[in-house]
Amino acid sequence: MSLERRDQLIHEICALRDVPGADEVLARGVLDIDSFDVAIDHFEEDGDAVYVTFQYGVVTAGRTLRVFRLLLEANLAVYAQDQAQLGLEVDTGAIVLIARVALNEEVDGKWLLAMIEHYVEHGRYWRDNIFKARDDMFENLARGDYVWLRA
């Protein structure tokens, strides 16, 4: 697989979402999907895959350590089987999700867009229910008063 295949996928996604200027998206390296920044990268070291990185937002000061614990738990309970991983960007404090997508005949722009929209929903959940949660709600999460559900 090649960088050209990645570029083709980005062009297809832009066409499906009616995003003008696919070449500008390629130059910028980031696609806006429902207010989430999404980057689709190709690395020569792993030529048979693309890596999709989602910027989920910044954690409020004072919550970083507890949110990081929740990220680790989610990695074990939810994301491990998806070749996806949540993490914390050290420089910015932003939460990111990185998903490895093996490129095969099944993967086209429509398939990749569906996967992106799926993980954008995850990002919306993290943002609305954890990052922006009221202090009392967040304290319940931090104490472990929750159950992971896989849908």
N, C-alpha and C. Protein backbone atom coordinates (compact mmCIF):
# COMPACT_ATOMS: atom_id res chain seq x y z
N MET A 1 0.84 -1.17 0.00
CA MET A 1 0.00 0.00 0.00
C MET A 1 0.89 1.23 0.00
N SER A 2 0.30 2.35 -0.29
CA SER A 2 1.14 3.51 -0.49
C SER A 2 0.49 4.78 0.03
N LEU A 3 1.28 5.82 0.01
CA LEU A 3 0.79 7.14 0.37
C LEU A 3 -0.33 7.56 -0.58
N GLU A 4 -0.24 7.14 -1.84
CA GLU A 4 -1.28 7.46 -2.81
C GLU A 4 -2.62 6.86 -2.40
N ARG A 5 -2.59 5.66 -1.82
CA ARG A 5 -3.84 5.02 -1.36
C ARG A 5 -4.45 5.83 -0.23
N ARG A 6 -3.61 6.30 0.70
CA ARG A 6 -4.11 7.14 1.78
C ARG A 6 -4.75 8.40 1.22
N ASP A 7 -4.06 9.03 0.26
CA ASP A 7 -4.59 10.26 -0.34
C ASP A 7 -5.92 10.00 -1.04
N GLN A 8 -6.03 8.86 -1.71
CA GLN A 8 -7.27 8.48 -2.37
C GLN A 8 -8.40 8.34 -1.35
N LEU A 9 -8.11 7.71 -0.21
CA LEU A 9 -9.11 7.54 0.84
C LEU A 9 -9.58 8.90 1.37
N ILE A 10 -8.65 9.82 1.56
CA ILE A 10 -9.01 11.15 2.05
C ILE A 10 -9.88 11.87 1.03
N HIS A 11 -9.55 11.75 -0.26
CA HIS A 11 -10.39 12.35 -1.31
C HIS A 11 -11.80 11.75 -1.27
N GLU A 12 -11.90 10.44 -1.09
CA GLU A 12 -13.21 9.79 -1.03
C GLU A 12 -14.01 10.28 0.17
N ILE A 13 -13.35 10.39 1.32
CA ILE A 13 -14.04 10.86 2.53
C ILE A 13 -14.53 12.29 2.34
N CYS A 14 -13.70 13.14 1.77
CA CYS A 14 -14.10 14.52 1.52
C CYS A 14 -15.31 14.57 0.59
N ALA A 15 -15.34 13.73 -0.43
CA ALA A 15 -16.47 13.69 -1.35
C ALA A 15 -17.74 13.21 -0.62
N LEU A 16 -17.61 12.18 0.21
CA LEU A 16 -18.76 11.65 0.93
C LEU A 16 -19.33 12.64 1.93
N ARG A 17 -18.47 13.44 2.55
CA ARG A 17 -18.90 14.42 3.56
C ARG A 17 -19.12 15.82 2.98
N ASP A 18 -19.00 15.95 1.67
CA ASP A 18 -19.13 17.26 1.01
C ASP A 18 -18.17 18.29 1.59
N VAL A 19 -16.94 17.84 1.84
CA VAL A 19 -15.89 18.74 2.32
C VAL A 19 -15.17 19.29 1.10
N PRO A 20 -15.23 20.59 0.88
CA PRO A 20 -14.53 21.15 -0.29
C PRO A 20 -13.02 21.18 -0.06
N GLY A 21 -12.28 21.13 -1.14
CA GLY A 21 -10.83 21.29 -1.05
C GLY A 21 -10.09 20.13 -0.44
N ALA A 22 -10.26 18.95 -1.00
CA ALA A 22 -9.56 17.78 -0.47
C ALA A 22 -8.05 17.96 -0.52
N ASP A 23 -7.55 18.68 -1.52
CA ASP A 23 -6.10 18.92 -1.59
C ASP A 23 -5.62 19.78 -0.42
N GLU A 24 -6.46 20.73 0.00
CA GLU A 24 -6.11 21.54 1.17
C GLU A 24 -6.12 20.70 2.44
N VAL A 25 -7.07 19.77 2.52
CA VAL A 25 -7.11 18.85 3.67
C VAL A 25 -5.83 18.03 3.70
N LEU A 26 -5.40 17.53 2.54
CA LEU A 26 -4.15 16.77 2.48
C LEU A 26 -2.96 17.63 2.90
N ALA A 27 -2.92 18.87 2.46
CA ALA A 27 -1.80 19.76 2.80
C ALA A 27 -1.80 20.08 4.30
N ARG A 28 -2.99 20.31 4.86
CA ARG A 28 -3.11 20.63 6.28
C ARG A 28 -2.86 19.40 7.15
N GLY A 29 -3.27 18.24 6.64
CA GLY A 29 -3.06 16.99 7.36
C GLY A 29 -4.13 16.67 8.38
N VAL A 30 -5.16 17.50 8.45
CA VAL A 30 -6.23 17.29 9.44
C VAL A 30 -7.58 17.50 8.77
N LEU A 31 -8.50 16.62 9.09
CA LEU A 31 -9.86 16.68 8.59
C LEU A 31 -10.78 16.97 9.77
N ASP A 32 -11.71 17.89 9.63
CA ASP A 32 -12.67 18.19 10.69
C ASP A 32 -13.91 17.33 10.47
N ILE A 33 -14.17 16.45 11.43
CA ILE A 33 -15.37 15.62 11.39
C ILE A 33 -16.17 15.92 12.64
N ASP A 34 -17.29 16.58 12.49
CA ASP A 34 -18.18 16.93 13.60
C ASP A 34 -17.43 17.60 14.76
N SER A 35 -16.59 18.55 14.44
CA SER A 35 -15.81 19.35 15.42
C SER A 35 -14.69 18.57 16.09
N PHE A 36 -14.31 17.44 15.55
CA PHE A 36 -13.14 16.71 16.04
C PHE A 36 -12.08 16.72 14.94
N ASP A 37 -10.85 16.99 15.32
CA ASP A 37 -9.75 16.94 14.36
C ASP A 37 -9.33 15.49 14.17
N VAL A 38 -9.29 15.06 12.93
CA VAL A 38 -8.93 13.69 12.58
C VAL A 38 -7.80 13.73 11.56
N ALA A 39 -6.71 13.03 11.86
CA ALA A 39 -5.58 12.94 10.93
C ALA A 39 -5.48 11.50 10.45
N ILE A 40 -5.24 11.32 9.17
CA ILE A 40 -5.04 9.99 8.59
C ILE A 40 -3.62 9.96 8.07
N ASP A 41 -2.79 9.13 8.70
CA ASP A 41 -1.37 9.10 8.38
C ASP A 41 -0.95 7.75 7.82
N HIS A 42 0.06 7.78 7.00
CA HIS A 42 0.66 6.58 6.42
C HIS A 42 2.14 6.60 6.75
N PHE A 43 2.66 5.48 7.21
CA PHE A 43 4.08 5.38 7.55
C PHE A 43 4.70 4.25 6.73
N GLU A 44 5.84 4.53 6.13
CA GLU A 44 6.52 3.53 5.30
C GLU A 44 6.85 2.27 6.09
N GLU A 45 7.11 2.42 7.39
CA GLU A 45 7.46 1.26 8.22
C GLU A 45 6.31 0.28 8.34
N ASP A 46 5.08 0.74 8.13
CA ASP A 46 3.89 -0.11 8.20
C ASP A 46 3.03 0.22 6.98
N GLY A 47 3.54 -0.14 5.83
CA GLY A 47 2.93 0.24 4.56
C GLY A 47 1.57 -0.37 4.29
N ASP A 48 1.18 -1.38 5.04
CA ASP A 48 -0.10 -2.04 4.82
C ASP A 48 -1.21 -1.48 5.69
N ALA A 49 -0.99 -0.30 6.27
CA ALA A 49 -1.99 0.28 7.16
C ALA A 49 -1.94 1.79 7.11
N VAL A 50 -3.02 2.39 7.57
CA VAL A 50 -3.03 3.82 7.87
C VAL A 50 -3.34 3.96 9.35
N TYR A 51 -2.93 5.07 9.90
CA TYR A 51 -3.18 5.37 11.31
C TYR A 51 -4.09 6.58 11.38
N VAL A 52 -5.20 6.43 12.06
CA VAL A 52 -6.17 7.51 12.20
C VAL A 52 -6.08 8.03 13.62
N THR A 53 -5.79 9.32 13.75
CA THR A 53 -5.62 9.95 15.06
C THR A 53 -6.75 10.94 15.28
N PHE A 54 -7.40 10.81 16.42
CA PHE A 54 -8.51 11.68 16.80
C PHE A 54 -8.08 12.56 17.97
N GLN A 55 -8.33 13.84 17.88
CA GLN A 55 -8.11 14.76 19.00
C GLN A 55 -9.43 14.90 19.73
N TYR A 56 -9.48 14.39 20.98
CA TYR A 56 -10.73 14.40 21.74
C TYR A 56 -10.89 15.62 22.64
N GLY A 57 -9.84 16.33 22.92
CA GLY A 57 -9.97 17.52 23.76
C GLY A 57 -9.00 17.50 24.92
N VAL A 58 -9.01 18.59 25.67
CA VAL A 58 -8.08 18.77 26.78
C VAL A 58 -8.82 18.53 28.08
N VAL A 59 -8.15 17.87 29.00
CA VAL A 59 -8.71 17.57 30.32
C VAL A 59 -8.52 18.78 31.23
N THR A 60 -9.54 19.08 32.01
CA THR A 60 -9.47 20.18 32.96
C THR A 60 -8.36 19.92 33.98
N ALA A 61 -7.66 20.98 34.35
CA ALA A 61 -6.59 20.86 35.35
C ALA A 61 -7.12 20.21 36.62
N GLY A 62 -6.32 19.34 37.19
CA GLY A 62 -6.70 18.63 38.40
C GLY A 62 -7.35 17.28 38.15
N ARG A 63 -7.72 17.01 36.92
CA ARG A 63 -8.38 15.74 36.60
C ARG A 63 -7.48 14.81 35.79
N THR A 64 -6.35 15.29 35.37
CA THR A 64 -5.53 14.55 34.41
C THR A 64 -5.19 13.15 34.87
N LEU A 65 -4.70 12.99 36.09
CA LEU A 65 -4.28 11.67 36.57
C LEU A 65 -5.46 10.71 36.61
N ARG A 66 -6.60 11.16 37.10
CA ARG A 66 -7.76 10.27 37.19
C ARG A 66 -8.31 9.94 35.80
N VAL A 67 -8.30 10.91 34.89
CA VAL A 67 -8.74 10.63 33.52
C VAL A 67 -7.77 9.66 32.85
N PHE A 68 -6.48 9.82 33.11
CA PHE A 68 -5.49 8.91 32.54
C PHE A 68 -5.78 7.48 32.98
N ARG A 69 -6.15 7.29 34.25
CA ARG A 69 -6.50 5.95 34.73
C ARG A 69 -7.71 5.41 33.96
N LEU A 70 -8.71 6.27 33.73
CA LEU A 70 -9.87 5.85 32.95
C LEU A 70 -9.48 5.47 31.52
N LEU A 71 -8.54 6.22 30.94
CA LEU A 71 -8.06 5.90 29.59
C LEU A 71 -7.42 4.52 29.56
N LEU A 72 -6.59 4.24 30.57
CA LEU A 72 -5.93 2.93 30.62
C LEU A 72 -6.96 1.81 30.75
N GLU A 73 -7.96 2.01 31.61
CA GLU A 73 -9.00 1.00 31.76
C GLU A 73 -9.77 0.80 30.45
N ALA A 74 -10.07 1.90 29.77
CA ALA A 74 -10.78 1.79 28.49
C ALA A 74 -9.93 1.06 27.46
N ASN A 75 -8.62 1.29 27.48
CA ASN A 75 -7.74 0.58 26.55
C ASN A 75 -7.83 -0.91 26.76
N LEU A 76 -7.89 -1.35 28.01
CA LEU A 76 -7.96 -2.78 28.31
C LEU A 76 -9.34 -3.35 28.02
N ALA A 77 -10.39 -2.62 28.39
CA ALA A 77 -11.74 -3.17 28.32
C ALA A 77 -12.42 -2.95 26.97
N VAL A 78 -12.09 -1.88 26.27
CA VAL A 78 -12.85 -1.52 25.07
C VAL A 78 -12.00 -1.55 23.80
N TYR A 79 -10.84 -0.91 23.84
CA TYR A 79 -10.12 -0.61 22.60
C TYR A 79 -9.08 -1.65 22.19
N ALA A 80 -8.67 -2.53 23.07
CA ALA A 80 -7.58 -3.46 22.75
C ALA A 80 -7.88 -4.30 21.52
N GLN A 81 -9.09 -4.80 21.39
CA GLN A 81 -9.41 -5.66 20.25
C GLN A 81 -9.61 -4.89 18.95
N ASP A 82 -9.68 -3.56 19.04
CA ASP A 82 -9.89 -2.74 17.85
C ASP A 82 -8.60 -2.20 17.23
N GLN A 83 -7.46 -2.58 17.76
CA GLN A 83 -6.18 -1.99 17.36
C GLN A 83 -6.24 -0.48 17.51
N ALA A 84 -6.88 -0.04 18.60
CA ALA A 84 -6.99 1.39 18.91
C ALA A 84 -6.46 1.60 20.32
N GLN A 85 -6.06 2.83 20.58
CA GLN A 85 -5.47 3.13 21.88
C GLN A 85 -5.72 4.59 22.23
N LEU A 86 -6.21 4.81 23.45
CA LEU A 86 -6.36 6.16 23.96
C LEU A 86 -5.08 6.57 24.65
N GLY A 87 -4.75 7.84 24.57
CA GLY A 87 -3.55 8.32 25.23
C GLY A 87 -3.66 9.79 25.55
N LEU A 88 -2.63 10.29 26.19
CA LEU A 88 -2.55 11.68 26.61
C LEU A 88 -1.34 12.30 25.96
N GLU A 89 -1.54 13.38 25.21
CA GLU A 89 -0.43 14.10 24.60
C GLU A 89 0.28 14.90 25.68
N VAL A 90 1.54 14.61 25.89
CA VAL A 90 2.30 15.23 26.97
C VAL A 90 2.39 16.74 26.80
N ASP A 91 2.66 17.21 25.61
CA ASP A 91 2.87 18.64 25.38
C ASP A 91 1.62 19.48 25.58
N THR A 92 0.46 18.93 25.22
CA THR A 92 -0.77 19.73 25.24
C THR A 92 -1.76 19.32 26.31
N GLY A 93 -1.65 18.10 26.83
CA GLY A 93 -2.64 17.59 27.77
C GLY A 93 -3.90 17.11 27.08
N ALA A 94 -3.86 17.02 25.77
CA ALA A 94 -5.04 16.60 25.00
C ALA A 94 -5.14 15.07 24.99
N ILE A 95 -6.38 14.61 24.96
CA ILE A 95 -6.65 13.18 24.85
C ILE A 95 -6.71 12.83 23.37
N VAL A 96 -6.01 11.78 22.98
CA VAL A 96 -6.02 11.34 21.59
C VAL A 96 -6.37 9.86 21.54
N LEU A 97 -6.98 9.47 20.46
CA LEU A 97 -7.21 8.06 20.17
C LEU A 97 -6.52 7.79 18.85
N ILE A 98 -5.73 6.73 18.81
CA ILE A 98 -5.04 6.32 17.59
C ILE A 98 -5.55 4.94 17.22
N ALA A 99 -6.01 4.80 15.99
CA ALA A 99 -6.49 3.51 15.51
C ALA A 99 -5.69 3.09 14.28
N ARG A 100 -5.21 1.85 14.30
CA ARG A 100 -4.50 1.30 13.15
C ARG A 100 -5.54 0.62 12.27
N VAL A 101 -5.54 0.97 10.99
CA VAL A 101 -6.48 0.39 10.03
C VAL A 101 -5.69 -0.37 8.98
N ALA A 102 -5.80 -1.69 9.00
CA ALA A 102 -5.14 -2.52 8.00
C ALA A 102 -5.83 -2.30 6.66
N LEU A 103 -5.06 -1.96 5.65
CA LEU A 103 -5.62 -1.69 4.33
C LEU A 103 -5.79 -3.00 3.57
N ASN A 104 -7.03 -3.32 3.26
CA ASN A 104 -7.33 -4.48 2.43
C ASN A 104 -8.39 -4.06 1.41
N GLU A 105 -8.89 -4.99 0.64
CA GLU A 105 -9.85 -4.67 -0.40
C GLU A 105 -11.14 -4.08 0.16
N GLU A 106 -11.49 -4.44 1.39
CA GLU A 106 -12.72 -3.97 2.02
C GLU A 106 -12.67 -2.49 2.38
N VAL A 107 -11.48 -1.98 2.63
CA VAL A 107 -11.33 -0.60 3.10
C VAL A 107 -11.38 0.37 1.93
N ASP A 108 -12.43 1.16 1.91
CA ASP A 108 -12.54 2.26 0.95
C ASP A 108 -12.95 3.50 1.74
N GLY A 109 -13.21 4.59 1.05
CA GLY A 109 -13.56 5.82 1.74
C GLY A 109 -14.81 5.68 2.59
N LYS A 110 -15.81 4.97 2.07
CA LYS A 110 -17.07 4.78 2.81
C LYS A 110 -16.83 3.99 4.09
N TRP A 111 -16.05 2.91 4.00
CA TRP A 111 -15.76 2.09 5.17
C TRP A 111 -14.97 2.90 6.20
N LEU A 112 -13.94 3.61 5.74
CA LEU A 112 -13.10 4.39 6.65
C LEU A 112 -13.90 5.52 7.30
N LEU A 113 -14.78 6.16 6.55
CA LEU A 113 -15.61 7.21 7.11
C LEU A 113 -16.54 6.65 8.19
N ALA A 114 -17.11 5.47 7.97
CA ALA A 114 -17.96 4.85 8.99
C ALA A 114 -17.16 4.58 10.26
N MET A 115 -15.93 4.10 10.11
CA MET A 115 -15.08 3.86 11.26
C MET A 115 -14.76 5.18 11.98
N ILE A 116 -14.45 6.21 11.21
CA ILE A 116 -14.15 7.52 11.80
C ILE A 116 -15.36 8.05 12.57
N GLU A 117 -16.54 7.96 11.96
CA GLU A 117 -17.75 8.44 12.63
C GLU A 117 -18.03 7.65 13.90
N HIS A 118 -17.73 6.36 13.90
CA HIS A 118 -17.88 5.53 15.10
C HIS A 118 -17.00 6.07 16.23
N TYR A 119 -15.73 6.33 15.94
CA TYR A 119 -14.82 6.82 16.97
C TYR A 119 -15.08 8.28 17.33
N VAL A 120 -15.67 9.05 16.44
CA VAL A 120 -16.09 10.41 16.80
C VAL A 120 -17.19 10.33 17.86
N GLU A 121 -18.08 9.34 17.75
CA GLU A 121 -19.09 9.14 18.79
C GLU A 121 -18.43 8.82 20.13
N HIS A 122 -17.39 8.01 20.11
CA HIS A 122 -16.64 7.74 21.34
C HIS A 122 -16.08 9.05 21.90
N GLY A 123 -15.51 9.87 21.02
CA GLY A 123 -14.95 11.15 21.46
C GLY A 123 -16.00 12.06 22.06
N ARG A 124 -17.17 12.06 21.47
CA ARG A 124 -18.27 12.87 21.99
C ARG A 124 -18.64 12.39 23.39
N TYR A 125 -18.67 11.08 23.58
CA TYR A 125 -18.97 10.53 24.91
C TYR A 125 -17.91 10.98 25.92
N TRP A 126 -16.64 10.79 25.57
CA TRP A 126 -15.56 11.19 26.49
C TRP A 126 -15.66 12.68 26.80
N ARG A 127 -15.85 13.49 25.79
CA ARG A 127 -15.90 14.95 25.98
C ARG A 127 -17.09 15.35 26.85
N ASP A 128 -18.28 14.85 26.51
CA ASP A 128 -19.49 15.31 27.18
C ASP A 128 -19.70 14.69 28.55
N ASN A 129 -19.24 13.47 28.76
CA ASN A 129 -19.53 12.78 30.01
C ASN A 129 -18.35 12.67 30.96
N ILE A 130 -17.16 12.92 30.51
CA ILE A 130 -16.00 12.81 31.39
C ILE A 130 -15.24 14.12 31.47
N PHE A 131 -14.83 14.66 30.33
CA PHE A 131 -14.03 15.88 30.35
C PHE A 131 -14.82 17.07 30.88
N LYS A 132 -16.10 17.17 30.50
CA LYS A 132 -16.92 18.32 30.89
C LYS A 132 -17.89 18.01 32.02
N ALA A 133 -17.74 16.86 32.65
CA ALA A 133 -18.67 16.46 33.71
C ALA A 133 -18.60 17.41 34.90
N ARG A 134 -19.76 17.61 35.54
CA ARG A 134 -19.76 18.37 36.79
C ARG A 134 -18.86 17.66 37.79
N ASP A 135 -18.38 18.39 38.76
CA ASP A 135 -17.44 17.82 39.73
C ASP A 135 -18.02 16.61 40.44
N ASP A 136 -19.29 16.64 40.85
CA ASP A 136 -19.87 15.50 41.56
C ASP A 136 -19.95 14.27 40.65
N MET A 137 -20.30 14.48 39.38
CA MET A 137 -20.34 13.36 38.45
C MET A 137 -18.94 12.80 38.20
N PHE A 138 -17.99 13.70 38.04
CA PHE A 138 -16.62 13.26 37.80
C PHE A 138 -16.08 12.49 39.00
N GLU A 139 -16.39 12.94 40.21
CA GLU A 139 -15.91 12.25 41.41
C GLU A 139 -16.44 10.82 41.46
N ASN A 140 -17.69 10.60 41.06
CA ASN A 140 -18.22 9.23 41.01
C ASN A 140 -17.43 8.38 40.03
N LEU A 141 -17.11 8.95 38.87
CA LEU A 141 -16.29 8.21 37.89
C LEU A 141 -14.91 7.91 38.46
N ALA A 142 -14.30 8.91 39.08
CA ALA A 142 -12.95 8.75 39.60
C ALA A 142 -12.90 7.72 40.72
N ARG A 143 -14.00 7.58 41.48
CA ARG A 143 -14.06 6.57 42.55
C ARG A 143 -14.28 5.17 41.99
N GLY A 144 -14.71 5.09 40.76
CA GLY A 144 -14.96 3.78 40.16
C GLY A 144 -16.42 3.37 40.20
N ASP A 145 -17.31 4.32 40.40
CA ASP A 145 -18.74 4.03 40.44
C ASP A 145 -19.31 3.97 39.02
N TYR A 146 -18.84 3.02 38.23
CA TYR A 146 -19.28 2.87 36.85
C TYR A 146 -19.01 1.44 36.42
N VAL A 147 -19.59 1.07 35.30
CA VAL A 147 -19.36 -0.23 34.68
C VAL A 147 -19.11 0.01 33.20
N TRP A 148 -18.04 -0.60 32.64
CA TRP A 148 -17.78 -0.47 31.21
C TRP A 148 -18.76 -1.35 30.47
N LEU A 149 -19.41 -0.80 29.48
CA LEU A 149 -20.32 -1.55 28.62
C LEU A 149 -19.77 -1.55 27.22
N ARG A 150 -19.78 -2.70 26.60
CA ARG A 150 -19.35 -2.78 25.20
C ARG A 150 -20.59 -3.00 24.37
N ALA A 151 -20.87 -2.07 23.48
CA ALA A 151 -22.07 -2.18 22.65
C ALA A 151 -21.69 -2.60 21.25
